[in-house]
Amino acid sequence: MEREITDEKLQKYFEITEEALQRLEVAVHEKSLLRAVAKDFLTMAKSYFNDARYYYQKGDYVTAFAALNYAHGFIDAGVRLGVFKGEDDRLFAFG
């Protein structure tokens, strides 16, 4: 059982989350009431991703890992809700 957050593990999750952010598409029409939800989820995912980078650079791997998980949680929740299109099972939990 792994009990530490290694640099290698963080790099893996940074890569997966960054690729997911680059590849996901907003799946709702501009006039849909869910468009605001999609924008909010995307803003939150990007913000947490940037927070993860900040904490990683400070050497705080625990907080960086937590922020990456929040970022990807917003991505996966958006896919599950249907406001994001995510087809790749490697990047999206519900793709």
Protein backbone atom coordinates (compact mmCIF):
# COMPACT_ATOMS: atom_id res chain seq x y z
CA MET A 1 0.00 0.00 0.00
CA GLU A 2 1.35 3.38 -0.98
CA ARG A 3 1.33 5.96 1.79
CA GLU A 4 3.11 8.90 0.23
CA ILE A 5 2.57 11.32 -2.61
CA THR A 6 5.60 11.09 -4.84
CA ASP A 7 6.74 13.51 -7.49
CA GLU A 8 6.08 10.81 -10.10
CA LYS A 9 2.49 10.34 -8.93
CA LEU A 10 1.87 14.09 -8.98
CA GLN A 11 3.33 14.43 -12.46
CA LYS A 12 1.07 11.63 -13.70
CA TYR A 13 -2.05 13.35 -12.35
CA PHE A 14 -0.94 16.77 -13.57
CA GLU A 15 -0.60 15.32 -17.08
CA ILE A 16 -3.97 13.54 -16.99
CA THR A 17 -5.83 16.56 -15.64
CA GLU A 18 -4.14 19.00 -18.02
CA GLU A 19 -4.97 16.81 -21.00
CA ALA A 20 -8.57 16.44 -19.81
CA LEU A 21 -8.87 20.23 -19.53
CA GLN A 22 -7.48 20.66 -23.04
CA ARG A 23 -9.73 18.01 -24.61
CA LEU A 24 -13.07 18.50 -22.92
CA GLU A 25 -15.78 20.37 -24.76
CA VAL A 26 -18.75 22.27 -23.42
CA ALA A 27 -21.71 20.17 -24.54
CA VAL A 28 -24.60 22.57 -23.94
CA HIS A 29 -25.92 25.28 -26.21
CA GLU A 30 -25.00 28.90 -25.46
CA LYS A 31 -28.62 29.73 -24.60
CA SER A 32 -29.09 26.72 -22.32
CA LEU A 33 -29.57 27.40 -18.63
CA LEU A 34 -26.88 24.76 -18.04
CA ARG A 35 -24.31 26.89 -19.89
CA ALA A 36 -23.67 28.81 -16.65
CA VAL A 37 -23.10 25.50 -14.85
CA ALA A 38 -20.62 24.42 -17.51
CA LYS A 39 -18.74 27.73 -17.27
CA ASP A 40 -18.68 27.53 -13.47
CA PHE A 41 -17.44 23.92 -13.45
CA LEU A 42 -14.74 24.76 -15.99
CA THR A 43 -13.65 27.81 -13.99
CA MET A 44 -13.47 25.75 -10.80
CA ALA A 45 -11.51 22.95 -12.51
CA LYS A 46 -8.98 25.41 -13.94
CA SER A 47 -8.69 27.26 -10.64
CA TYR A 48 -8.01 24.10 -8.67
CA PHE A 49 -5.53 22.98 -11.34
CA ASN A 50 -3.67 26.29 -10.98
CA ASP A 51 -3.81 25.95 -7.19
CA ALA A 52 -2.24 22.50 -7.54
CA ARG A 53 0.64 23.98 -9.54
CA TYR A 54 1.13 26.68 -6.92
CA TYR A 55 1.29 24.20 -4.03
CA TYR A 56 3.49 21.83 -6.02
CA GLN A 57 6.00 24.61 -6.62
CA LYS A 58 5.99 25.36 -2.88
CA GLY A 59 6.75 21.69 -2.19
CA ASP A 60 3.36 21.05 -0.57
CA TYR A 61 2.58 17.78 -2.31
CA VAL A 62 -0.40 16.89 -0.12
CA THR A 63 -2.29 20.09 -0.90
CA ALA A 64 -1.26 19.91 -4.56
CA PHE A 65 -2.62 16.36 -4.81
CA ALA A 66 -5.86 17.40 -3.09
CA ALA A 67 -6.29 20.34 -5.48
CA LEU A 68 -5.72 18.06 -8.49
CA ASN A 69 -8.42 15.73 -7.21
CA TYR A 70 -10.85 18.63 -6.82
CA ALA A 71 -9.99 19.84 -10.34
CA HIS A 72 -10.63 16.45 -11.85
CA GLY A 73 -13.76 16.03 -9.74
CA PHE A 74 -15.28 19.11 -11.37
CA ILE A 75 -14.32 17.76 -14.80
CA ASP A 76 -15.86 14.35 -14.15
CA ALA A 77 -18.97 15.86 -12.55
CA GLY A 78 -19.45 18.03 -15.64
CA VAL A 79 -19.16 15.00 -17.91
CA ARG A 80 -21.59 13.03 -15.74
CA LEU A 81 -24.06 15.94 -15.70
CA GLY A 82 -23.77 16.23 -19.48
CA VAL A 83 -22.45 19.80 -19.62
CA PHE A 84 -19.06 18.57 -20.86
CA LYS A 85 -18.35 16.09 -23.60
CA GLY A 86 -15.60 13.69 -22.59
CA GLU A 87 -15.23 10.49 -24.58
CA ASP A 88 -11.87 9.16 -23.38
CA ASP A 89 -12.17 6.69 -20.46
CA ARG A 90 -8.52 7.32 -19.65
CA LEU A 91 -9.23 11.00 -18.95
CA PHE A 92 -12.86 11.09 -17.87
CA ALA A 93 -14.48 8.81 -15.29
CA PHE A 94 -17.78 8.80 -17.17
CA GLY A 95 -16.54 9.13 -20.72
